[in-house]
Amino acid sequence: MVRNPYDAVRDLVSEAQFSANVAATVEAWGGLLDEDAAGLLVAAQLGRDIVAYGRVAELQEGLEATLKVVVDEVVPVREFARQDGTRGRVANLLVHDDSGRCLIVLWDDDVVIPAKLGLRPGSALRVVDGFVRRTNFGLEVGRGRFGRLLPG
């Protein structure tokens, strides 16, 4: 992980311009961001990712995971009946990185995410703050309440 966000963008912008952008971002957020958080946002706006990605082999049940993976398969949406009689939908993504493979499970309204992102085998995918749980099929990652799936 990059400790100083400027280190990730020094080839794109001068330190003075970066500092000015950080100050403008702090102001735009009404002082709700400190300079470190604003620096991360400025770096992201310049196209530099400053996220510490984990590896599939490091997944642990009950913890959040942030991964950069490649899609192996987009499993079609399935509909099913829940025990309470309501209908549900589920879609799976089989993904891998250089350390292993895992399953990303998308429930109900999230089943449209693969289509929205245009995912297909070979697509790069970032999972930010996904939730890891153990099932009969092994460890799987769900989007969870605060997680995101992003291209690339």
Protein backbone atom coordinates (compact mmCIF):
# COMPACT_ATOMS: atom_id res chain seq x y z
CA MET A 1 0.00 0.00 0.00
CA VAL A 2 1.21 3.49 -0.79
CA ARG A 3 1.77 5.46 2.43
CA ASN A 4 1.73 8.91 0.84
CA PRO A 5 -0.89 9.34 -1.91
CA TYR A 6 1.37 11.78 -3.74
CA ASP A 7 3.90 8.98 -4.27
CA ALA A 8 1.37 7.26 -6.53
CA VAL A 9 0.85 10.32 -8.75
CA ARG A 10 4.17 12.17 -8.69
CA ASP A 11 4.69 11.35 -12.37
CA LEU A 12 1.34 12.96 -13.22
CA VAL A 13 1.25 16.20 -11.23
CA SER A 14 3.58 18.49 -9.28
CA GLU A 15 3.53 18.35 -5.50
CA ALA A 16 2.25 21.94 -5.38
CA GLN A 17 -0.66 21.11 -7.71
CA PHE A 18 -1.41 17.94 -5.74
CA SER A 19 -1.48 19.92 -2.48
CA ALA A 20 -3.77 22.51 -4.06
CA ASN A 21 -6.11 19.74 -5.26
CA VAL A 22 -6.10 18.21 -1.77
CA ALA A 23 -6.97 21.56 -0.18
CA ALA A 24 -9.77 22.09 -2.72
CA THR A 25 -11.13 18.61 -1.98
CA VAL A 26 -11.12 19.24 1.77
CA GLU A 27 -12.98 22.49 1.14
CA ALA A 28 -15.44 20.86 -1.28
CA TRP A 29 -16.28 18.29 1.40
CA GLY A 30 -16.90 21.05 3.92
CA GLY A 31 -13.98 19.99 6.09
CA LEU A 32 -15.39 16.49 6.61
CA LEU A 33 -12.23 14.94 5.13
CA ASP A 34 -8.77 15.20 6.59
CA GLU A 35 -5.83 15.76 4.24
CA ASP A 36 -4.96 12.05 4.10
CA ALA A 37 -8.46 11.06 2.98
CA ALA A 38 -8.61 13.96 0.52
CA GLY A 39 -5.22 12.88 -0.86
CA LEU A 40 -6.58 9.40 -1.52
CA LEU A 41 -9.55 10.89 -3.37
CA VAL A 42 -7.33 13.15 -5.47
CA ALA A 43 -5.08 10.21 -6.37
CA ALA A 44 -8.15 8.16 -7.35
CA GLN A 45 -9.43 11.04 -9.50
CA LEU A 46 -6.06 10.98 -11.27
CA GLY A 47 -6.58 7.28 -12.01
CA ARG A 48 -4.24 5.80 -9.44
CA ASP A 49 -5.59 3.05 -7.23
CA ILE A 50 -4.23 3.19 -3.69
CA VAL A 51 -6.06 0.22 -2.26
CA ALA A 52 -4.33 -2.65 -0.47
CA TYR A 53 -5.68 -5.72 -2.26
CA GLY A 54 -5.68 -9.08 -0.57
CA ARG A 55 -5.24 -12.44 -2.22
CA VAL A 56 -7.80 -15.18 -2.64
CA ALA A 57 -5.57 -17.56 -0.66
CA GLU A 58 -5.75 -15.16 2.30
CA LEU A 59 -9.57 -15.12 2.56
CA GLN A 60 -10.83 -15.72 6.09
CA GLU A 61 -14.36 -16.53 7.12
CA GLY A 62 -16.20 -13.66 8.76
CA LEU A 63 -13.84 -10.95 7.53
CA GLU A 64 -14.12 -8.39 4.77
CA ALA A 65 -12.03 -8.85 1.64
CA THR A 66 -10.76 -6.46 -0.99
CA LEU A 67 -9.56 -8.35 -4.06
CA LYS A 68 -8.38 -7.77 -7.60
CA VAL A 69 -9.40 -10.85 -9.60
CA VAL A 70 -10.11 -12.14 -13.10
CA VAL A 71 -13.51 -13.60 -14.00
CA ASP A 72 -13.42 -17.25 -15.11
CA GLU A 73 -17.15 -17.78 -15.50
CA VAL A 74 -20.37 -15.82 -15.13
CA VAL A 75 -22.98 -18.32 -13.96
CA PRO A 76 -26.50 -17.42 -15.16
CA VAL A 77 -29.07 -16.10 -12.70
CA ARG A 78 -31.12 -18.74 -10.92
CA GLU A 79 -34.48 -18.19 -9.25
CA PHE A 80 -35.49 -20.14 -6.18
CA ALA A 81 -38.11 -20.29 -3.44
CA ARG A 82 -36.99 -19.36 0.06
CA GLN A 83 -38.22 -21.27 3.11
CA ASP A 84 -40.67 -18.44 3.83
CA GLY A 85 -42.19 -18.85 0.35
CA THR A 86 -40.74 -15.66 -1.18
CA ARG A 87 -38.84 -15.80 -4.44
CA GLY A 88 -35.13 -15.08 -4.60
CA ARG A 89 -32.47 -14.79 -7.25
CA VAL A 90 -28.78 -15.66 -7.16
CA ALA A 91 -25.89 -15.31 -9.60
CA ASN A 92 -22.34 -16.52 -9.17
CA LEU A 93 -19.00 -15.39 -10.51
CA LEU A 94 -16.12 -17.83 -10.52
CA VAL A 95 -12.95 -15.77 -10.20
CA HIS A 96 -9.22 -16.21 -9.60
CA ASP A 97 -6.00 -14.39 -8.84
CA ASP A 98 -2.47 -15.75 -8.82
CA SER A 99 -3.05 -17.40 -5.43
CA GLY A 100 -6.29 -19.30 -5.99
CA ARG A 101 -9.94 -19.35 -6.99
CA CYS A 102 -13.15 -18.39 -5.23
CA LEU A 103 -16.82 -17.83 -5.79
CA ILE A 104 -18.52 -14.44 -5.65
CA VAL A 105 -22.21 -14.77 -4.83
CA LEU A 106 -24.70 -12.05 -5.77
CA TRP A 107 -28.21 -12.10 -4.31
CA ASP A 108 -31.51 -10.63 -5.49
CA ASP A 109 -31.07 -7.03 -6.77
CA ASP A 110 -27.29 -7.57 -7.14
CA VAL A 111 -27.70 -10.27 -9.82
CA VAL A 112 -27.69 -7.52 -12.48
CA ILE A 113 -24.18 -6.35 -11.56
CA PRO A 114 -22.32 -8.70 -13.98
CA ALA A 115 -24.42 -7.45 -16.91
CA LYS A 116 -24.10 -3.81 -15.85
CA LEU A 117 -20.31 -4.16 -15.67
CA GLY A 118 -20.18 -6.19 -18.89
CA LEU A 119 -18.37 -9.03 -17.14
CA ARG A 120 -17.34 -12.09 -19.12
CA PRO A 121 -14.52 -14.63 -18.83
CA GLY A 122 -11.22 -12.76 -18.76
CA SER A 123 -12.69 -9.52 -17.34
CA ALA A 124 -10.77 -7.85 -14.53
CA LEU A 125 -12.84 -7.20 -11.42
CA ARG A 126 -12.22 -5.41 -8.13
CA VAL A 127 -14.14 -6.47 -5.05
CA VAL A 128 -14.03 -3.80 -2.35
CA ASP A 129 -15.11 -4.74 1.18
CA GLY A 130 -16.81 -7.99 0.21
CA PHE A 131 -17.86 -10.29 3.04
CA VAL A 132 -16.36 -13.79 3.30
CA ARG A 133 -18.34 -16.73 4.58
CA ARG A 134 -17.94 -20.51 4.54
CA THR A 135 -20.59 -22.63 2.86
CA ASN A 136 -20.82 -26.24 1.73
CA PHE A 137 -18.95 -25.12 -1.39
CA GLY A 138 -16.02 -23.56 0.50
CA LEU A 139 -15.24 -19.90 1.09
CA GLU A 140 -17.32 -17.47 -0.92
CA VAL A 141 -17.39 -13.70 -1.14
CA GLY A 142 -20.62 -11.72 -1.11
CA ARG A 143 -21.03 -8.01 -1.77
CA GLY A 144 -22.48 -7.50 1.68
CA ARG A 145 -24.05 -4.30 2.90
CA PHE A 146 -21.14 -1.96 2.19
CA GLY A 147 -19.20 -3.85 -0.50
CA ARG A 148 -18.72 -2.85 -4.12
CA LEU A 149 -17.87 -4.64 -7.33
CA LEU A 150 -15.99 -2.47 -9.80
CA PRO A 151 -14.48 -3.10 -13.22
CA GLY A 152 -10.75 -3.49 -13.62
